[in-house]
């Protein structure tokens, strides 16, 4: 009832098994599938920061990526998250991959400056580790406001990426 509890539901029997429960002050924002489990986005309410966790059993979670952590690693930017269509499985260079895109609406952002950084990140190991494949808004001018969607096109073997600019 408070968006902190992971549950697994058997679709045939409708039996519910409770899994990991986040501590008070954190809530589940979204869940994405991966081949070996699920990726869970949780928000820490006090700091308005989002973290990506991975689980294979629903009972134990491992943090795998601070969404919005700056390129230099020094700051976990508030207000940076992944939208519902902002993560997708596909291929990059012929390799299985998951691509995520950052949606930045942080209150502390200065266009083209502090707190404005956004990026695309890829995982080639089913969400265990992440590496940036592109970073924007770090050279003093805003280039992209934020990302709304990433979708893999298996027929054309390419990615379609939508931004949220005015």
C-alpha atoms as a PDB file:
ATOM      1  CA  UNK A   1       0.000   0.000   0.000  1.00  0.00           C
ATOM      2  CA  UNK A   2       2.965   2.351   0.385  1.00  0.00           C
ATOM      3  CA  UNK A   3       4.899   1.511  -2.839  1.00  0.00           C
ATOM      4  CA  UNK A   4       7.801   0.009  -0.903  1.00  0.00           C
ATOM      5  CA  UNK A   5       7.065  -3.721  -1.252  1.00  0.00           C
ATOM      6  CA  UNK A   6       8.088  -5.953  -4.164  1.00  0.00           C
ATOM      7  CA  UNK A   7       5.678  -8.822  -4.799  1.00  0.00           C
ATOM      8  CA  UNK A   8       5.761 -11.745  -7.196  1.00  0.00           C
ATOM      9  CA  UNK A   9       2.432 -12.963  -8.546  1.00  0.00           C
ATOM     10  CA  UNK A  10       1.930 -16.356 -10.161  1.00  0.00           C
ATOM     11  CA  UNK A  11      -0.413 -15.615 -13.093  1.00  0.00           C
ATOM     12  CA  UNK A  12      -1.918 -19.131 -13.090  1.00  0.00           C
ATOM     13  CA  UNK A  13      -2.640 -19.480  -9.367  1.00  0.00           C
ATOM     14  CA  UNK A  14      -2.665 -15.778  -8.436  1.00  0.00           C
ATOM     15  CA  UNK A  15      -0.568 -16.630  -5.406  1.00  0.00           C
ATOM     16  CA  UNK A  16       1.343 -13.580  -4.166  1.00  0.00           C
ATOM     17  CA  UNK A  17       4.800 -13.905  -2.656  1.00  0.00           C
ATOM     18  CA  UNK A  18       6.152 -10.858  -0.850  1.00  0.00           C
ATOM     19  CA  UNK A  19       9.737  -9.946  -1.653  1.00  0.00           C
ATOM     20  CA  UNK A  20      12.040  -7.109  -0.711  1.00  0.00           C
ATOM     21  CA  UNK A  21      10.589  -4.144   1.161  1.00  0.00           C
ATOM     22  CA  UNK A  22      12.387  -0.814   0.839  1.00  0.00           C
ATOM     23  CA  UNK A  23      12.972   1.090   4.072  1.00  0.00           C
ATOM     24  CA  UNK A  24      10.825   4.020   5.086  1.00  0.00           C
ATOM     25  CA  UNK A  25      11.768   7.065   3.018  1.00  0.00           C
ATOM     26  CA  UNK A  26      12.208   5.110  -0.212  1.00  0.00           C
ATOM     27  CA  UNK A  27       9.502   4.080  -2.687  1.00  0.00           C
ATOM     28  CA  UNK A  28       9.398   2.080  -5.895  1.00  0.00           C
ATOM     29  CA  UNK A  29       9.081   4.347  -8.932  1.00  0.00           C
ATOM     30  CA  UNK A  30       9.172   1.764 -11.753  1.00  0.00           C
ATOM     31  CA  UNK A  31      10.160  -1.796 -12.651  1.00  0.00           C
ATOM     32  CA  UNK A  32      11.750  -2.969 -15.923  1.00  0.00           C
ATOM     33  CA  UNK A  33      12.369  -6.545 -17.110  1.00  0.00           C
ATOM     34  CA  UNK A  34      15.810  -7.969 -17.798  1.00  0.00           C
ATOM     35  CA  UNK A  35      16.678 -11.488 -18.941  1.00  0.00           C
ATOM     36  CA  UNK A  36      17.635 -12.771 -15.489  1.00  0.00           C
ATOM     37  CA  UNK A  37      15.276 -10.806 -13.253  1.00  0.00           C
ATOM     38  CA  UNK A  38      14.010  -7.261 -12.918  1.00  0.00           C
ATOM     39  CA  UNK A  39      15.469  -3.773 -12.602  1.00  0.00           C
ATOM     40  CA  UNK A  40      13.772  -1.632  -9.955  1.00  0.00           C
ATOM     41  CA  UNK A  41      13.931   2.168  -9.846  1.00  0.00           C
ATOM     42  CA  UNK A  42      13.527   3.523  -6.311  1.00  0.00           C
ATOM     43  CA  UNK A  43      13.420   7.113  -5.130  1.00  0.00           C
ATOM     44  CA  UNK A  44      14.903   8.345  -1.877  1.00  0.00           C
ATOM     45  CA  UNK A  45      12.293  10.935  -0.988  1.00  0.00           C
ATOM     46  CA  UNK A  46      14.384  13.204   1.261  1.00  0.00           C
ATOM     47  CA  UNK A  47      17.009  13.805  -1.429  1.00  0.00           C
ATOM     48  CA  UNK A  48      14.794  13.321  -4.529  1.00  0.00           C
ATOM     49  CA  UNK A  49      17.424  10.937  -5.934  1.00  0.00           C
ATOM     50  CA  UNK A  50      16.729   7.788  -7.943  1.00  0.00           C
ATOM     51  CA  UNK A  51      18.706   4.543  -7.826  1.00  0.00           C
ATOM     52  CA  UNK A  52      18.477   1.517 -10.092  1.00  0.00           C
ATOM     53  CA  UNK A  53      18.522  -1.875  -8.334  1.00  0.00           C
ATOM     54  CA  UNK A  54      18.657  -5.385  -9.778  1.00  0.00           C
ATOM     55  CA  UNK A  55      17.089  -8.551  -8.405  1.00  0.00           C
ATOM     56  CA  UNK A  56      16.886 -12.118  -9.632  1.00  0.00           C
ATOM     57  CA  UNK A  57      14.690 -13.462  -6.829  1.00  0.00           C
ATOM     58  CA  UNK A  58      12.649 -10.460  -5.659  1.00  0.00           C
ATOM     59  CA  UNK A  59      13.939 -10.879  -2.115  1.00  0.00           C
ATOM     60  CA  UNK A  60      17.446  -9.437  -2.422  1.00  0.00           C
ATOM     61  CA  UNK A  61      18.350  -6.273  -4.311  1.00  0.00           C
ATOM     62  CA  UNK A  62      21.699  -4.899  -5.431  1.00  0.00           C
ATOM     63  CA  UNK A  63      22.138  -1.212  -6.314  1.00  0.00           C
ATOM     64  CA  UNK A  64      23.588  -1.084  -9.842  1.00  0.00           C
ATOM     65  CA  UNK A  65      23.333   2.570 -10.936  1.00  0.00           C
ATOM     66  CA  UNK A  66      22.726   5.997  -9.395  1.00  0.00           C
ATOM     67  CA  UNK A  67      20.489   7.660 -11.981  1.00  0.00           C
ATOM     68  CA  UNK A  68      21.828  11.140 -12.658  1.00  0.00           C
ATOM     69  CA  UNK A  69      25.248  10.688 -11.056  1.00  0.00           C
ATOM     70  CA  UNK A  70      27.460  13.282 -12.741  1.00  0.00           C
ATOM     71  CA  UNK A  71      30.150  12.232 -15.199  1.00  0.00           C
ATOM     72  CA  UNK A  72      32.882  13.022 -12.673  1.00  0.00           C
ATOM     73  CA  UNK A  73      31.066  10.845 -10.106  1.00  0.00           C
ATOM     74  CA  UNK A  74      30.893  13.566  -7.476  1.00  0.00           C
ATOM     75  CA  UNK A  75      27.157  14.314  -7.383  1.00  0.00           C
ATOM     76  CA  UNK A  76      23.999  12.199  -7.414  1.00  0.00           C
ATOM     77  CA  UNK A  77      21.758  14.839  -9.013  1.00  0.00           C
ATOM     78  CA  UNK A  78      18.239  15.188  -7.605  1.00  0.00           C
ATOM     79  CA  UNK A  79      15.300  14.964  -9.995  1.00  0.00           C
ATOM     80  CA  UNK A  80      16.987  12.634 -12.505  1.00  0.00           C
ATOM     81  CA  UNK A  81      14.933   9.554 -13.307  1.00  0.00           C
ATOM     82  CA  UNK A  82      13.930   7.142 -16.066  1.00  0.00           C
ATOM     83  CA  UNK A  83      10.517   7.581 -17.667  1.00  0.00           C
ATOM     84  CA  UNK A  84       8.246   4.564 -18.275  1.00  0.00           C
ATOM     85  CA  UNK A  85       9.506   4.302 -21.871  1.00  0.00           C
ATOM     86  CA  UNK A  86      13.080   5.223 -21.019  1.00  0.00           C
ATOM     87  CA  UNK A  87      14.617   1.741 -20.827  1.00  0.00           C
ATOM     88  CA  UNK A  88      14.664  -1.007 -23.468  1.00  0.00           C
ATOM     89  CA  UNK A  89      16.413  -4.268 -24.355  1.00  0.00           C
ATOM     90  CA  UNK A  90      18.019  -4.575 -27.769  1.00  0.00           C
ATOM     91  CA  UNK A  91      21.414  -4.820 -29.450  1.00  0.00           C
ATOM     92  CA  UNK A  92      24.401  -2.508 -29.688  1.00  0.00           C
ATOM     93  CA  UNK A  93      27.165  -3.554 -32.068  1.00  0.00           C
ATOM     94  CA  UNK A  94      25.614  -7.028 -32.305  1.00  0.00           C
ATOM     95  CA  UNK A  95      25.732  -7.521 -28.526  1.00  0.00           C
ATOM     96  CA  UNK A  96      22.694  -7.927 -26.268  1.00  0.00           C
ATOM     97  CA  UNK A  97      22.206  -4.675 -24.395  1.00  0.00           C
ATOM     98  CA  UNK A  98      19.859  -2.662 -22.220  1.00  0.00           C
ATOM     99  CA  UNK A  99      19.754   1.078 -22.922  1.00  0.00           C
ATOM    100  CA  UNK A 100      18.497   3.636 -20.429  1.00  0.00           C
ATOM    101  CA  UNK A 101      17.870   7.345 -20.882  1.00  0.00           C
ATOM    102  CA  UNK A 102      17.848  10.047 -18.220  1.00  0.00           C
ATOM    103  CA  UNK A 103      14.976  12.446 -17.679  1.00  0.00           C
ATOM    104  CA  UNK A 104      16.258  15.432 -15.678  1.00  0.00           C
ATOM    105  CA  UNK A 105      13.766  17.759 -14.028  1.00  0.00           C
ATOM    106  CA  UNK A 106      15.907  18.697 -11.044  1.00  0.00           C
ATOM    107  CA  UNK A 107      15.230  21.986  -9.261  1.00  0.00           C
ATOM    108  CA  UNK A 108      18.953  22.676  -8.995  1.00  0.00           C
ATOM    109  CA  UNK A 109      19.672  22.632 -12.730  1.00  0.00           C
ATOM    110  CA  UNK A 110      21.130  25.652 -14.450  1.00  0.00           C
ATOM    111  CA  UNK A 111      20.654  25.374 -18.236  1.00  0.00           C
ATOM    112  CA  UNK A 112      23.953  24.338 -19.783  1.00  0.00           C
ATOM    113  CA  UNK A 113      25.635  24.285 -16.383  1.00  0.00           C
ATOM    114  CA  UNK A 114      25.429  22.766 -12.936  1.00  0.00           C
ATOM    115  CA  UNK A 115      22.932  19.951 -12.579  1.00  0.00           C
ATOM    116  CA  UNK A 116      21.903  19.989 -16.265  1.00  0.00           C
ATOM    117  CA  UNK A 117      23.811  16.873 -17.357  1.00  0.00           C
ATOM    118  CA  UNK A 118      21.857  14.038 -19.018  1.00  0.00           C
ATOM    119  CA  UNK A 119      23.015  10.825 -20.656  1.00  0.00           C
ATOM    120  CA  UNK A 120      22.316   7.477 -22.248  1.00  0.00           C
ATOM    121  CA  UNK A 121      23.809   4.430 -20.508  1.00  0.00           C
ATOM    122  CA  UNK A 122      24.094   0.836 -21.666  1.00  0.00           C
ATOM    123  CA  UNK A 123      24.474  -2.475 -19.895  1.00  0.00           C
ATOM    124  CA  UNK A 124      25.958  -5.457 -21.708  1.00  0.00           C
ATOM    125  CA  UNK A 125      25.617  -7.843 -18.738  1.00  0.00           C
ATOM    126  CA  UNK A 126      21.846  -7.809 -18.111  1.00  0.00           C
ATOM    127  CA  UNK A 127      21.848  -4.741 -15.871  1.00  0.00           C
ATOM    128  CA  UNK A 128      24.730  -5.640 -13.545  1.00  0.00           C
ATOM    129  CA  UNK A 129      26.970  -2.785 -14.713  1.00  0.00           C
ATOM    130  CA  UNK A 130      26.350   0.392 -16.728  1.00  0.00           C
ATOM    131  CA  UNK A 131      28.477   2.584 -18.963  1.00  0.00           C
ATOM    132  CA  UNK A 132      27.635   5.868 -20.616  1.00  0.00           C
ATOM    133  CA  UNK A 133      27.253   5.864 -24.376  1.00  0.00           C
ATOM    134  CA  UNK A 134      26.569   9.602 -24.623  1.00  0.00           C
ATOM    135  CA  UNK A 135      26.499  12.640 -22.319  1.00  0.00           C
ATOM    136  CA  UNK A 136      24.904  16.014 -23.044  1.00  0.00           C
ATOM    137  CA  UNK A 137      24.746  19.510 -21.528  1.00  0.00           C
ATOM    138  CA  UNK A 138      28.291  19.611 -20.163  1.00  0.00           C
ATOM    139  CA  UNK A 139      29.886  22.234 -22.409  1.00  0.00           C
ATOM    140  CA  UNK A 140      28.141  25.361 -21.176  1.00  0.00           C
ATOM    141  CA  UNK A 141      25.107  25.246 -23.439  1.00  0.00           C
ATOM    142  CA  UNK A 142      21.962  23.156 -23.300  1.00  0.00           C
ATOM    143  CA  UNK A 143      21.811  20.717 -26.175  1.00  0.00           C
ATOM    144  CA  UNK A 144      18.970  18.416 -25.067  1.00  0.00           C
ATOM    145  CA  UNK A 145      16.432  19.115 -22.344  1.00  0.00           C
ATOM    146  CA  UNK A 146      15.846  15.459 -21.421  1.00  0.00           C
ATOM    147  CA  UNK A 147      14.994  12.045 -22.904  1.00  0.00           C
ATOM    148  CA  UNK A 148      11.451  10.719 -23.106  1.00  0.00           C
ATOM    149  CA  UNK A 149      11.866   7.370 -24.842  1.00  0.00           C
ATOM    150  CA  UNK A 150      14.335   4.816 -26.192  1.00  0.00           C
ATOM    151  CA  UNK A 151      13.120   1.987 -28.418  1.00  0.00           C
ATOM    152  CA  UNK A 152      15.032  -0.725 -30.233  1.00  0.00           C
ATOM    153  CA  UNK A 153      13.992  -1.439 -33.834  1.00  0.00           C
ATOM    154  CA  UNK A 154      14.887  -5.095 -34.480  1.00  0.00           C
ATOM    155  CA  UNK A 155      13.860  -4.887 -38.155  1.00  0.00           C
ATOM    156  CA  UNK A 156      16.348  -2.119 -38.894  1.00  0.00           C
ATOM    157  CA  UNK A 157      18.828  -2.967 -36.091  1.00  0.00           C
ATOM    158  CA  UNK A 158      18.841   0.582 -34.754  1.00  0.00           C
ATOM    159  CA  UNK A 159      17.634   2.648 -31.813  1.00  0.00           C
ATOM    160  CA  UNK A 160      14.962   5.356 -31.870  1.00  0.00           C
ATOM    161  CA  UNK A 161      15.441   8.003 -29.178  1.00  0.00           C
ATOM    162  CA  UNK A 162      12.948  10.764 -28.363  1.00  0.00           C
ATOM    163  CA  UNK A 163      13.890  13.955 -26.567  1.00  0.00           C
ATOM    164  CA  UNK A 164      11.731  16.379 -24.619  1.00  0.00           C
ATOM    165  CA  UNK A 165      12.733  19.721 -26.065  1.00  0.00           C
ATOM    166  CA  UNK A 166      10.517  22.730 -26.687  1.00  0.00           C
END
